[in-house]
Amino acid sequence: MSTDIQEAKRVLDIESQSILDLKDRIDDRFIKAIEIIMAGQAKVVVAGMGKSGHIGRKLAATLSSTGTPSLFLHPAESSHGDLGVVTSEDVLIVISYGGGSQELQDLIAYASRKGVPMIAMTGNMDSELARSANVVLDISVKEEACPLKLAPTSSSTATLALCDALAMALLKRRGFKEEDFAEFHPGGKLGRRLLTRVHDLMHDNGGLPIVELGSSMVSVVATMTGGDVRGVAAVVDKQGFLKGVVTDGDLRRHLEKNKNPLEAKVEELMSTTPKTIDADELAAKALFIMEQFSIQSLFVVDSASKKPVGLIHLQDLIRAQIR
């Protein structure tokens, strides 16, 4: 085994063990931290210097996207006016492995004067940061993975993992759902999947391919080739209720079996158990049905009357990047 591979595996062993060691520290202090954040009336302000600051930025971003409004405050900038962003209704999370960063002093003092609840994440339980906090989460590690024992490696990895644990516990405590997540991510693929409804994409311009029971094959073919979406037609009774669907596949199979195919009526080849979907369903569900049953389109039916009101095609979903 090469030296490089041995070193990589050594680092991963140390860092993964550092994360596992945190499990024994998930106790009443962790619960108290959750309760402090839940009791906050405004936002969570996360602060940290150096590598701790990078982890803090990620924590603030994760909290904000999962139901807990949050922002990152650079401790050095806070001493030059940015302290104004912190209010007595906020909750402060300060991350510092050593707990003695000089840049944190003004922020800690300000939080104490204003009565801002503070959660400390540190590896030094005897530090000024730990003594000043309402609750302290221990992020200490047995060793850094850095061969020089200098660069934050195991400690930053363990801190990041604990931050994620905190954010996910808050997510569950708040009852945060997929729909809520999508509201905060409208520009991404996940947002499109969770926000786009069938009625946003369906064809409903009055030119739906619909024929009545008793229609001739000539009429069916003309209808299937003249609309916005070709290759399919809905079959309805005189009251407009959906009774079946004809696809171009049904047509091909009918042509192969009959010597006089154009003399047939639509009832002879239509499917009497068509797959349909409601207009208010997620477009992702339409895609799931199409893929599950290997079909290209779905008629959209009114949930009350069960009459066809639209049509959605696989290509509509692909263009909308629902897949």
C-alpha atoms as a PDB file:
ATOM      1  CA  MET A   1       0.000   0.000   0.000  1.00  0.00           C
ATOM      2  CA  SER A   2       1.370   3.411  -0.951  1.00  0.00           C
ATOM      3  CA  THR A   3       2.264   5.974   1.684  1.00  0.00           C
ATOM      4  CA  ASP A   4      -0.370   8.367   0.342  1.00  0.00           C
ATOM      5  CA  ILE A   5      -3.140   5.810   0.714  1.00  0.00           C
ATOM      6  CA  GLN A   6      -1.980   4.903   4.209  1.00  0.00           C
ATOM      7  CA  GLU A   7      -2.021   8.574   5.210  1.00  0.00           C
ATOM      8  CA  ALA A   8      -5.493   9.130   3.773  1.00  0.00           C
ATOM      9  CA  LYS A   9      -6.885   6.118   5.626  1.00  0.00           C
ATOM     10  CA  ARG A  10      -5.189   7.231   8.840  1.00  0.00           C
ATOM     11  CA  VAL A  11      -6.860  10.644   8.592  1.00  0.00           C
ATOM     12  CA  LEU A  12     -10.263   9.121   7.901  1.00  0.00           C
ATOM     13  CA  ASP A  13      -9.927   6.712  10.823  1.00  0.00           C
ATOM     14  CA  ILE A  14      -9.065   9.505  13.249  1.00  0.00           C
ATOM     15  CA  GLU A  15     -11.742  11.898  12.019  1.00  0.00           C
ATOM     16  CA  SER A  16     -14.506   9.292  11.926  1.00  0.00           C
ATOM     17  CA  GLN A  17     -13.649   8.227  15.482  1.00  0.00           C
ATOM     18  CA  SER A  18     -13.752  11.851  16.576  1.00  0.00           C
ATOM     19  CA  ILE A  19     -17.325  12.067  15.329  1.00  0.00           C
ATOM     20  CA  LEU A  20     -18.322   8.819  17.029  1.00  0.00           C
ATOM     21  CA  ASP A  21     -16.867  10.065  20.308  1.00  0.00           C
ATOM     22  CA  LEU A  22     -19.397  12.916  20.259  1.00  0.00           C
ATOM     23  CA  LYS A  23     -22.293  10.507  20.722  1.00  0.00           C
ATOM     24  CA  ASP A  24     -21.535  10.089  24.415  1.00  0.00           C
ATOM     25  CA  ARG A  25     -21.855  13.860  24.872  1.00  0.00           C
ATOM     26  CA  ILE A  26     -25.374  14.163  23.475  1.00  0.00           C
ATOM     27  CA  ASP A  27     -27.064  14.730  26.815  1.00  0.00           C
ATOM     28  CA  ASP A  28     -29.065  17.313  28.746  1.00  0.00           C
ATOM     29  CA  ARG A  29     -26.754  20.086  27.548  1.00  0.00           C
ATOM     30  CA  PHE A  30     -27.682  19.355  23.957  1.00  0.00           C
ATOM     31  CA  ILE A  31     -31.376  19.397  24.862  1.00  0.00           C
ATOM     32  CA  LYS A  32     -30.923  22.707  26.690  1.00  0.00           C
ATOM     33  CA  ALA A  33     -29.274  24.188  23.598  1.00  0.00           C
ATOM     34  CA  ILE A  34     -32.268  23.129  21.502  1.00  0.00           C
ATOM     35  CA  GLU A  35     -34.672  24.654  24.014  1.00  0.00           C
ATOM     36  CA  ILE A  36     -32.751  27.944  24.124  1.00  0.00           C
ATOM     37  CA  ILE A  37     -32.933  28.231  20.335  1.00  0.00           C
ATOM     38  CA  MET A  38     -36.608  27.270  20.267  1.00  0.00           C
ATOM     39  CA  ALA A  39     -37.344  29.970  22.880  1.00  0.00           C
ATOM     40  CA  GLY A  40     -35.600  32.661  20.840  1.00  0.00           C
ATOM     41  CA  GLN A  41     -37.930  35.316  19.515  1.00  0.00           C
ATOM     42  CA  ALA A  42     -35.881  36.379  16.505  1.00  0.00           C
ATOM     43  CA  LYS A  43     -32.843  34.773  14.882  1.00  0.00           C
ATOM     44  CA  VAL A  44     -29.744  32.776  15.647  1.00  0.00           C
ATOM     45  CA  VAL A  45     -26.436  34.617  15.278  1.00  0.00           C
ATOM     46  CA  VAL A  46     -23.439  32.326  14.737  1.00  0.00           C
ATOM     47  CA  ALA A  47     -19.881  33.562  15.307  1.00  0.00           C
ATOM     48  CA  GLY A  48     -16.415  32.044  15.072  1.00  0.00           C
ATOM     49  CA  MET A  49     -12.874  32.847  13.952  1.00  0.00           C
ATOM     50  CA  GLY A  50     -10.679  31.000  11.471  1.00  0.00           C
ATOM     51  CA  LYS A  51     -11.732  27.424  10.737  1.00  0.00           C
ATOM     52  CA  SER A  52     -14.427  27.733  13.395  1.00  0.00           C
ATOM     53  CA  GLY A  53     -15.787  30.665  11.429  1.00  0.00           C
ATOM     54  CA  HIS A  54     -16.019  28.557   8.279  1.00  0.00           C
ATOM     55  CA  ILE A  55     -17.961  25.918  10.218  1.00  0.00           C
ATOM     56  CA  GLY A  56     -20.121  28.689  11.675  1.00  0.00           C
ATOM     57  CA  ARG A  57     -21.016  30.006   8.241  1.00  0.00           C
ATOM     58  CA  LYS A  58     -22.147  26.548   7.230  1.00  0.00           C
ATOM     59  CA  LEU A  59     -24.215  26.171  10.418  1.00  0.00           C
ATOM     60  CA  ALA A  60     -25.936  29.525   9.833  1.00  0.00           C
ATOM     61  CA  ALA A  61     -26.745  28.545   6.251  1.00  0.00           C
ATOM     62  CA  THR A  62     -28.088  25.146   7.290  1.00  0.00           C
ATOM     63  CA  LEU A  63     -30.243  26.623  10.045  1.00  0.00           C
ATOM     64  CA  SER A  64     -31.699  29.263   7.726  1.00  0.00           C
ATOM     65  CA  SER A  65     -32.633  26.681   5.094  1.00  0.00           C
ATOM     66  CA  THR A  66     -34.304  24.363   7.608  1.00  0.00           C
ATOM     67  CA  GLY A  67     -36.639  26.672   9.485  1.00  0.00           C
ATOM     68  CA  THR A  68     -34.399  28.558  11.926  1.00  0.00           C
ATOM     69  CA  PRO A  69     -33.555  32.083  10.670  1.00  0.00           C
ATOM     70  CA  SER A  70     -29.849  32.595  11.155  1.00  0.00           C
ATOM     71  CA  LEU A  71     -26.855  34.652  10.064  1.00  0.00           C
ATOM     72  CA  PHE A  72     -23.102  34.585  10.527  1.00  0.00           C
ATOM     73  CA  LEU A  73     -21.334  37.405  12.364  1.00  0.00           C
ATOM     74  CA  HIS A  74     -17.579  37.796  11.993  1.00  0.00           C
ATOM     75  CA  PRO A  75     -16.229  38.496  15.514  1.00  0.00           C
ATOM     76  CA  ALA A  76     -13.584  40.945  14.322  1.00  0.00           C
ATOM     77  CA  GLU A  77     -16.153  42.956  12.365  1.00  0.00           C
ATOM     78  CA  SER A  78     -18.548  42.873  15.315  1.00  0.00           C
ATOM     79  CA  SER A  79     -16.173  45.106  17.272  1.00  0.00           C
ATOM     80  CA  HIS A  80     -16.420  47.759  14.560  1.00  0.00           C
ATOM     81  CA  GLY A  81     -20.167  48.274  14.402  1.00  0.00           C
ATOM     82  CA  ASP A  82     -21.626  44.908  13.401  1.00  0.00           C
ATOM     83  CA  LEU A  83     -22.676  44.169  16.984  1.00  0.00           C
ATOM     84  CA  GLY A  84     -25.770  46.151  16.084  1.00  0.00           C
ATOM     85  CA  VAL A  85     -27.119  43.094  14.300  1.00  0.00           C
ATOM     86  CA  VAL A  86     -27.460  41.245  17.628  1.00  0.00           C
ATOM     87  CA  THR A  87     -30.592  41.936  19.676  1.00  0.00           C
ATOM     88  CA  SER A  88     -31.791  40.704  23.063  1.00  0.00           C
ATOM     89  CA  GLU A  89     -34.370  38.558  21.247  1.00  0.00           C
ATOM     90  CA  ASP A  90     -31.670  36.623  19.391  1.00  0.00           C
ATOM     91  CA  VAL A  91     -29.696  33.533  20.366  1.00  0.00           C
ATOM     92  CA  LEU A  92     -25.918  33.581  19.987  1.00  0.00           C
ATOM     93  CA  ILE A  93     -23.888  30.491  19.062  1.00  0.00           C
ATOM     94  CA  VAL A  94     -20.140  31.021  19.445  1.00  0.00           C
ATOM     95  CA  ILE A  95     -17.735  28.403  18.067  1.00  0.00           C
ATOM     96  CA  SER A  96     -14.125  28.345  19.240  1.00  0.00           C
ATOM     97  CA  TYR A  97     -12.138  25.190  19.875  1.00  0.00           C
ATOM     98  CA  GLY A  98      -9.732  26.859  22.289  1.00  0.00           C
ATOM     99  CA  GLY A  99     -12.361  29.234  23.637  1.00  0.00           C
ATOM    100  CA  GLY A 100      -9.899  32.093  24.078  1.00  0.00           C
ATOM    101  CA  SER A 101      -9.810  33.928  20.759  1.00  0.00           C
ATOM    102  CA  GLN A 102      -9.149  37.593  21.474  1.00  0.00           C
ATOM    103  CA  GLU A 103     -11.582  38.657  18.758  1.00  0.00           C
ATOM    104  CA  LEU A 104     -14.441  37.033  20.685  1.00  0.00           C
ATOM    105  CA  GLN A 105     -14.045  39.121  23.842  1.00  0.00           C
ATOM    106  CA  ASP A 106     -16.125  42.125  22.779  1.00  0.00           C
ATOM    107  CA  LEU A 107     -18.881  39.884  21.454  1.00  0.00           C
ATOM    108  CA  ILE A 108     -19.025  37.826  24.659  1.00  0.00           C
ATOM    109  CA  ALA A 109     -19.103  40.981  26.797  1.00  0.00           C
ATOM    110  CA  TYR A 110     -21.841  42.523  24.654  1.00  0.00           C
ATOM    111  CA  ALA A 111     -23.992  39.392  24.912  1.00  0.00           C
ATOM    112  CA  SER A 112     -23.567  39.427  28.679  1.00  0.00           C
ATOM    113  CA  ARG A 113     -24.560  43.098  28.978  1.00  0.00           C
ATOM    114  CA  LYS A 114     -27.612  42.697  26.740  1.00  0.00           C
ATOM    115  CA  GLY A 115     -28.748  39.381  28.210  1.00  0.00           C
ATOM    116  CA  VAL A 116     -28.436  37.545  24.889  1.00  0.00           C
ATOM    117  CA  PRO A 117     -28.622  33.761  25.478  1.00  0.00           C
ATOM    118  CA  MET A 118     -25.320  32.210  24.381  1.00  0.00           C
ATOM    119  CA  ILE A 119     -24.478  28.664  23.363  1.00  0.00           C
ATOM    120  CA  ALA A 120     -20.772  27.872  23.265  1.00  0.00           C
ATOM    121  CA  MET A 121     -19.209  25.130  21.177  1.00  0.00           C
ATOM    122  CA  THR A 122     -15.668  24.623  22.423  1.00  0.00           C
ATOM    123  CA  GLY A 123     -13.052  22.025  23.221  1.00  0.00           C
ATOM    124  CA  ASN A 124     -11.905  23.903  26.325  1.00  0.00           C
ATOM    125  CA  MET A 125     -14.491  23.619  29.069  1.00  0.00           C
ATOM    126  CA  ASP A 126     -12.412  25.903  31.354  1.00  0.00           C
ATOM    127  CA  SER A 127     -12.196  28.762  28.862  1.00  0.00           C
ATOM    128  CA  GLU A 128     -13.737  32.192  29.299  1.00  0.00           C
ATOM    129  CA  LEU A 129     -16.137  31.350  26.499  1.00  0.00           C
ATOM    130  CA  ALA A 130     -17.345  28.247  28.348  1.00  0.00           C
ATOM    131  CA  ARG A 131     -17.732  30.166  31.617  1.00  0.00           C
ATOM    132  CA  SER A 132     -19.734  32.922  29.933  1.00  0.00           C
ATOM    133  CA  ALA A 133     -22.208  30.697  28.073  1.00  0.00           C
ATOM    134  CA  ASN A 134     -25.660  29.559  29.127  1.00  0.00           C
ATOM    135  CA  VAL A 135     -24.840  26.086  27.850  1.00  0.00           C
ATOM    136  CA  VAL A 136     -21.612  24.534  26.553  1.00  0.00           C
ATOM    137  CA  LEU A 137     -21.352  21.804  23.926  1.00  0.00           C
ATOM    138  CA  ASP A 138     -18.059  19.917  24.157  1.00  0.00           C
ATOM    139  CA  ILE A 139     -16.331  19.536  20.771  1.00  0.00           C
ATOM    140  CA  SER A 140     -12.978  18.303  22.092  1.00  0.00           C
ATOM    141  CA  VAL A 141     -11.132  15.553  20.221  1.00  0.00           C
ATOM    142  CA  LYS A 142      -8.438  13.141  21.334  1.00  0.00           C
ATOM    143  CA  GLU A 143      -6.102  14.186  18.529  1.00  0.00           C
ATOM    144  CA  GLU A 144      -5.983  16.173  15.336  1.00  0.00           C
ATOM    145  CA  ALA A 145      -5.567  14.173  12.147  1.00  0.00           C
ATOM    146  CA  CYS A 146      -2.871  16.603  11.012  1.00  0.00           C
ATOM    147  CA  PRO A 147       0.479  14.755  11.250  1.00  0.00           C
ATOM    148  CA  LEU A 148       1.957  17.919  12.785  1.00  0.00           C
ATOM    149  CA  LYS A 149      -0.906  18.035  15.315  1.00  0.00           C
ATOM    150  CA  LEU A 150      -1.427  21.674  14.355  1.00  0.00           C
ATOM    151  CA  ALA A 151      -4.006  22.169  11.578  1.00  0.00           C
ATOM    152  CA  PRO A 152      -7.644  21.896  12.704  1.00  0.00           C
ATOM    153  CA  THR A 153      -8.795  18.622  11.142  1.00  0.00           C
ATOM    154  CA  SER A 154     -10.506  16.235  13.538  1.00  0.00           C
ATOM    155  CA  SER A 155     -11.748  19.169  15.608  1.00  0.00           C
ATOM    156  CA  SER A 156     -13.316  21.013  12.660  1.00  0.00           C
ATOM    157  CA  THR A 157     -14.859  17.782  11.330  1.00  0.00           C
ATOM    158  CA  ALA A 158     -16.356  16.939  14.717  1.00  0.00           C
ATOM    159  CA  THR A 159     -17.667  20.491  15.098  1.00  0.00           C
ATOM    160  CA  LEU A 160     -19.316  20.359  11.703  1.00  0.00           C
ATOM    161  CA  ALA A 161     -20.977  17.047  12.564  1.00  0.00           C
ATOM    162  CA  LEU A 162     -22.288  18.387  15.869  1.00  0.00           C
ATOM    163  CA  CYS A 163     -23.607  21.494  14.096  1.00  0.00           C
ATOM    164  CA  ASP A 164     -25.500  19.275  11.670  1.00  0.00           C
ATOM    165  CA  ALA A 165     -26.890  17.245  14.572  1.00  0.00           C
ATOM    166  CA  LEU A 166     -28.095  20.465  16.205  1.00  0.00           C
ATOM    167  CA  ALA A 167     -29.702  21.726  12.999  1.00  0.00           C
ATOM    168  CA  MET A 168     -31.458  18.436  12.257  1.00  0.00           C
ATOM    169  CA  ALA A 169     -32.783  18.122  15.801  1.00  0.00           C
ATOM    170  CA  LEU A 170     -34.212  21.628  15.436  1.00  0.00           C
ATOM    171  CA  LEU A 171     -35.716  20.707  12.071  1.00  0.00           C
ATOM    172  CA  LYS A 172     -37.596  17.803  13.629  1.00  0.00           C
ATOM    173  CA  ARG A 173     -38.611  19.812  16.708  1.00  0.00           C
ATOM    174  CA  ARG A 174     -40.150  22.471  14.446  1.00  0.00           C
ATOM    175  CA  GLY A 175     -41.992  19.910  12.305  1.00  0.00           C
ATOM    176  CA  PHE A 176     -40.218  21.226   9.221  1.00  0.00           C
ATOM    177  CA  LYS A 177     -41.414  19.392   6.086  1.00  0.00           C
ATOM    178  CA  GLU A 178     -40.363  18.876   2.482  1.00  0.00           C
ATOM    179  CA  GLU A 179     -42.806  21.556   1.383  1.00  0.00           C
ATOM    180  CA  ASP A 180     -41.193  24.056   3.751  1.00  0.00           C
ATOM    181  CA  PHE A 181     -37.736  23.142   2.471  1.00  0.00           C
ATOM    182  CA  ALA A 182     -38.899  23.682  -1.099  1.00  0.00           C
ATOM    183  CA  GLU A 183     -40.179  27.165  -0.247  1.00  0.00           C
ATOM    184  CA  PHE A 184     -36.638  28.126   0.728  1.00  0.00           C
ATOM    185  CA  HIS A 185     -35.103  26.494  -2.383  1.00  0.00           C
ATOM    186  CA  PRO A 186     -37.324  27.579  -5.306  1.00  0.00           C
ATOM    187  CA  GLY A 187     -34.393  27.948  -7.690  1.00  0.00           C
ATOM    188  CA  GLY A 188     -33.077  24.408  -7.415  1.00  0.00           C
ATOM    189  CA  LYS A 189     -34.146  21.083  -8.834  1.00  0.00           C
ATOM    190  CA  LEU A 190     -35.533  19.971  -5.493  1.00  0.00           C
ATOM    191  CA  GLY A 191     -37.649  23.117  -5.297  1.00  0.00           C
ATOM    192  CA  ARG A 192     -39.107  22.455  -8.730  1.00  0.00           C
ATOM    193  CA  ARG A 193     -39.953  18.879  -7.771  1.00  0.00           C
ATOM    194  CA  LEU A 194     -41.648  19.910  -4.553  1.00  0.00           C
ATOM    195  CA  LEU A 195     -43.412  23.062  -5.730  1.00  0.00           C
ATOM    196  CA  THR A 196     -44.510  22.436  -9.319  1.00  0.00           C
ATOM    197  CA  ARG A 197     -48.074  21.146  -9.611  1.00  0.00           C
ATOM    198  CA  VAL A 198     -49.739  19.362 -12.500  1.00  0.00           C
ATOM    199  CA  HIS A 199     -51.900  22.407 -13.242  1.00  0.00           C
ATOM    200  CA  ASP A 200     -48.707  24.445 -13.780  1.00  0.00           C
ATOM    201  CA  LEU A 201     -47.695  22.278 -16.746  1.00  0.00           C
ATOM    202  CA  MET A 202     -50.829  20.675 -18.152  1.00  0.00           C
ATOM    203  CA  HIS A 203     -52.450  21.495 -21.501  1.00  0.00           C
ATOM    204  CA  ASP A 204     -55.934  22.907 -20.903  1.00  0.00           C
ATOM    205  CA  ASN A 205     -56.531  25.332 -23.760  1.00  0.00           C
ATOM    206  CA  GLY A 206     -59.811  23.855 -24.954  1.00  0.00           C
ATOM    207  CA  GLY A 207     -58.150  21.784 -27.659  1.00  0.00           C
ATOM    208  CA  LEU A 208     -57.895  18.598 -25.641  1.00  0.00           C
ATOM    209  CA  PRO A 209     -58.031  15.395 -27.740  1.00  0.00           C
ATOM    210  CA  ILE A 210     -61.425  14.091 -26.661  1.00  0.00           C
ATOM    211  CA  VAL A 211     -63.885  11.833 -28.534  1.00  0.00           C
ATOM    212  CA  GLU A 212     -67.224  10.389 -27.494  1.00  0.00           C
ATOM    213  CA  LEU A 213     -68.209   6.773 -27.186  1.00  0.00           C
ATOM    214  CA  GLY A 214     -69.320   5.461 -30.572  1.00  0.00           C
ATOM    215  CA  SER A 215     -66.832   7.597 -32.500  1.00  0.00           C
ATOM    216  CA  SER A 216     -65.402   6.087 -35.664  1.00  0.00           C
ATOM    217  CA  MET A 217     -61.744   5.302 -36.148  1.00  0.00           C
ATOM    218  CA  VAL A 218     -61.478   8.086 -38.700  1.00  0.00           C
ATOM    219  CA  SER A 219     -62.652  10.575 -36.093  1.00  0.00           C
ATOM    220  CA  VAL A 220     -60.310   9.129 -33.462  1.00  0.00           C
ATOM    221  CA  VAL A 221     -57.256   9.362 -35.742  1.00  0.00           C
ATOM    222  CA  ALA A 222     -58.111  12.935 -36.724  1.00  0.00           C
ATOM    223  CA  THR A 223     -58.455  13.934 -33.068  1.00  0.00           C
ATOM    224  CA  MET A 224     -55.215  12.271 -32.041  1.00  0.00           C
ATOM    225  CA  THR A 225     -53.193  14.053 -34.713  1.00  0.00           C
ATOM    226  CA  GLY A 226     -54.698  17.533 -34.496  1.00  0.00           C
ATOM    227  CA  GLY A 227     -54.117  18.693 -30.930  1.00  0.00           C
ATOM    228  CA  ASP A 228     -51.264  20.194 -28.938  1.00  0.00           C
ATOM    229  CA  VAL A 229     -50.422  16.750 -27.588  1.00  0.00           C
ATOM    230  CA  ARG A 230     -50.573  14.047 -30.218  1.00  0.00           C
ATOM    231  CA  GLY A 231     -50.794  10.291 -29.984  1.00  0.00           C
ATOM    232  CA  VAL A 232     -53.543  10.058 -27.356  1.00  0.00           C
ATOM    233  CA  ALA A 233     -57.270  10.738 -27.006  1.00  0.00           C
ATOM    234  CA  ALA A 234     -59.717  10.597 -24.114  1.00  0.00           C
ATOM    235  CA  VAL A 235     -63.009   8.780 -24.618  1.00  0.00           C
ATOM    236  CA  VAL A 236     -66.002  10.270 -22.772  1.00  0.00           C
ATOM    237  CA  ASP A 237     -69.728   9.580 -22.563  1.00  0.00           C
ATOM    238  CA  LYS A 238     -72.380  12.143 -23.446  1.00  0.00           C
ATOM    239  CA  GLN A 239     -72.112  13.660 -19.964  1.00  0.00           C
ATOM    240  CA  GLY A 240     -68.374  14.170 -20.401  1.00  0.00           C
ATOM    241  CA  PHE A 241     -67.221  11.512 -17.933  1.00  0.00           C
ATOM    242  CA  LEU A 242     -63.978   9.755 -18.807  1.00  0.00           C
ATOM    243  CA  LYS A 243     -64.587   6.181 -19.934  1.00  0.00           C
ATOM    244  CA  GLY A 244     -61.336   5.261 -21.594  1.00  0.00           C
ATOM    245  CA  VAL A 245     -58.182   6.324 -23.386  1.00  0.00           C
ATOM    246  CA  VAL A 246     -56.790   5.517 -26.822  1.00  0.00           C
ATOM    247  CA  THR A 247     -53.068   5.775 -27.538  1.00  0.00           C
ATOM    248  CA  ASP A 248     -51.069   5.427 -30.730  1.00  0.00           C
ATOM    249  CA  GLY A 249     -49.986   2.022 -29.403  1.00  0.00           C
ATOM    250  CA  ASP A 250     -53.630   0.933 -29.256  1.00  0.00           C
ATOM    251  CA  LEU A 251     -54.014   2.094 -32.851  1.00  0.00           C
ATOM    252  CA  ARG A 252     -51.029   0.093 -34.060  1.00  0.00           C
ATOM    253  CA  ARG A 253     -52.185  -3.054 -32.336  1.00  0.00           C
ATOM    254  CA  HIS A 254     -55.681  -2.597 -33.790  1.00  0.00           C
ATOM    255  CA  LEU A 255     -54.331  -2.096 -37.320  1.00  0.00           C
ATOM    256  CA  GLU A 256     -52.314  -5.310 -37.091  1.00  0.00           C
ATOM    257  CA  LYS A 257     -55.330  -7.416 -36.071  1.00  0.00           C
ATOM    258  CA  ASN A 258     -58.121  -6.064 -38.302  1.00  0.00           C
ATOM    259  CA  LYS A 259     -58.555  -6.191 -42.063  1.00  0.00           C
ATOM    260  CA  ASN A 260     -60.886  -3.176 -42.041  1.00  0.00           C
ATOM    261  CA  PRO A 261     -59.544  -1.131 -39.134  1.00  0.00           C
ATOM    262  CA  LEU A 262     -61.281   2.127 -40.064  1.00  0.00           C
ATOM    263  CA  GLU A 263     -64.721   0.546 -39.694  1.00  0.00           C
ATOM    264  CA  ALA A 264     -64.267  -0.068 -35.968  1.00  0.00           C
ATOM    265  CA  LYS A 265     -65.651   2.037 -33.166  1.00  0.00           C
ATOM    266  CA  VAL A 266     -63.507   3.533 -30.446  1.00  0.00           C
ATOM    267  CA  GLU A 267     -64.848   1.120 -27.819  1.00  0.00           C
ATOM    268  CA  GLU A 268     -63.117  -1.767 -29.595  1.00  0.00           C
ATOM    269  CA  LEU A 269     -59.591  -0.558 -28.874  1.00  0.00           C
ATOM    270  CA  MET A 270     -59.705   1.879 -25.976  1.00  0.00           C
ATOM    271  CA  SER A 271     -58.287   1.095 -22.559  1.00  0.00           C
ATOM    272  CA  THR A 272     -61.116   1.143 -20.012  1.00  0.00           C
ATOM    273  CA  THR A 273     -58.865   1.645 -16.978  1.00  0.00           C
ATOM    274  CA  PRO A 274     -56.857   4.756 -17.865  1.00  0.00           C
ATOM    275  CA  LYS A 275     -54.327   6.262 -15.475  1.00  0.00           C
ATOM    276  CA  THR A 276     -55.285   9.792 -14.476  1.00  0.00           C
ATOM    277  CA  ILE A 277     -54.131  12.485 -12.084  1.00  0.00           C
ATOM    278  CA  ASP A 278     -55.623  15.452 -10.250  1.00  0.00           C
ATOM    279  CA  ALA A 279     -54.590  18.967 -11.282  1.00  0.00           C
ATOM    280  CA  ASP A 280     -53.413  19.829  -7.761  1.00  0.00           C
ATOM    281  CA  GLU A 281     -51.048  16.875  -7.452  1.00  0.00           C
ATOM    282  CA  LEU A 282     -47.299  17.429  -7.630  1.00  0.00           C
ATOM    283  CA  ALA A 283     -45.849  17.172 -11.110  1.00  0.00           C
ATOM    284  CA  ALA A 284     -43.331  14.738  -9.627  1.00  0.00           C
ATOM    285  CA  LYS A 285     -46.194  12.346  -8.919  1.00  0.00           C
ATOM    286  CA  ALA A 286     -47.260  12.511 -12.569  1.00  0.00           C
ATOM    287  CA  LEU A 287     -43.710  11.585 -13.548  1.00  0.00           C
ATOM    288  CA  PHE A 288     -43.728   8.691 -11.081  1.00  0.00           C
ATOM    289  CA  ILE A 289     -46.972   7.301 -12.549  1.00  0.00           C
ATOM    290  CA  MET A 290     -45.707   7.597 -16.116  1.00  0.00           C
ATOM    291  CA  GLU A 291     -42.471   5.822 -15.305  1.00  0.00           C
ATOM    292  CA  GLN A 292     -44.163   3.158 -13.203  1.00  0.00           C
ATOM    293  CA  PHE A 293     -46.623   2.209 -15.954  1.00  0.00           C
ATOM    294  CA  SER A 294     -44.384   3.055 -18.960  1.00  0.00           C
ATOM    295  CA  ILE A 295     -46.793   5.603 -20.426  1.00  0.00           C
ATOM    296  CA  GLN A 296     -46.147   8.963 -22.084  1.00  0.00           C
ATOM    297  CA  SER A 297     -49.115  11.047 -20.930  1.00  0.00           C
ATOM    298  CA  LEU A 298     -51.846  11.399 -18.330  1.00  0.00           C
ATOM    299  CA  PHE A 299     -55.260  12.963 -18.564  1.00  0.00           C
ATOM    300  CA  VAL A 300     -55.938  15.378 -15.747  1.00  0.00           C
ATOM    301  CA  VAL A 301     -59.377  14.945 -14.214  1.00  0.00           C
ATOM    302  CA  ASP A 302     -61.440  17.209 -12.003  1.00  0.00           C
ATOM    303  CA  SER A 303     -61.437  15.742  -8.499  1.00  0.00           C
ATOM    304  CA  ALA A 304     -65.153  16.390  -8.060  1.00  0.00           C
ATOM    305  CA  SER A 305     -66.687  15.646 -11.467  1.00  0.00           C
ATOM    306  CA  LYS A 306     -64.062  13.158 -12.698  1.00  0.00           C
ATOM    307  CA  LYS A 307     -64.221  14.840 -16.098  1.00  0.00           C
ATOM    308  CA  PRO A 308     -61.009  15.468 -18.090  1.00  0.00           C
ATOM    309  CA  VAL A 309     -59.806  19.050 -17.708  1.00  0.00           C
ATOM    310  CA  GLY A 310     -56.268  18.780 -19.003  1.00  0.00           C
ATOM    311  CA  LEU A 311     -53.470  16.616 -20.313  1.00  0.00           C
ATOM    312  CA  ILE A 312     -49.837  16.369 -19.240  1.00  0.00           C
ATOM    313  CA  HIS A 313     -47.126  14.713 -21.305  1.00  0.00           C
ATOM    314  CA  LEU A 314     -43.757  13.288 -20.320  1.00  0.00           C
ATOM    315  CA  GLN A 315     -42.023  15.921 -22.435  1.00  0.00           C
ATOM    316  CA  ASP A 316     -43.729  18.657 -20.406  1.00  0.00           C
ATOM    317  CA  LEU A 317     -42.136  17.238 -17.264  1.00  0.00           C
ATOM    318  CA  ILE A 318     -38.714  16.892 -18.867  1.00  0.00           C
ATOM    319  CA  ARG A 319     -38.782  20.483 -20.134  1.00  0.00           C
ATOM    320  CA  ALA A 320     -39.707  21.657 -16.637  1.00  0.00           C
ATOM    321  CA  GLN A 321     -36.740  19.661 -15.254  1.00  0.00           C
ATOM    322  CA  ILE A 322     -38.948  17.620 -12.944  1.00  0.00           C
ATOM    323  CA  ARG A 323     -37.008  14.437 -13.672  1.00  0.00           C
END
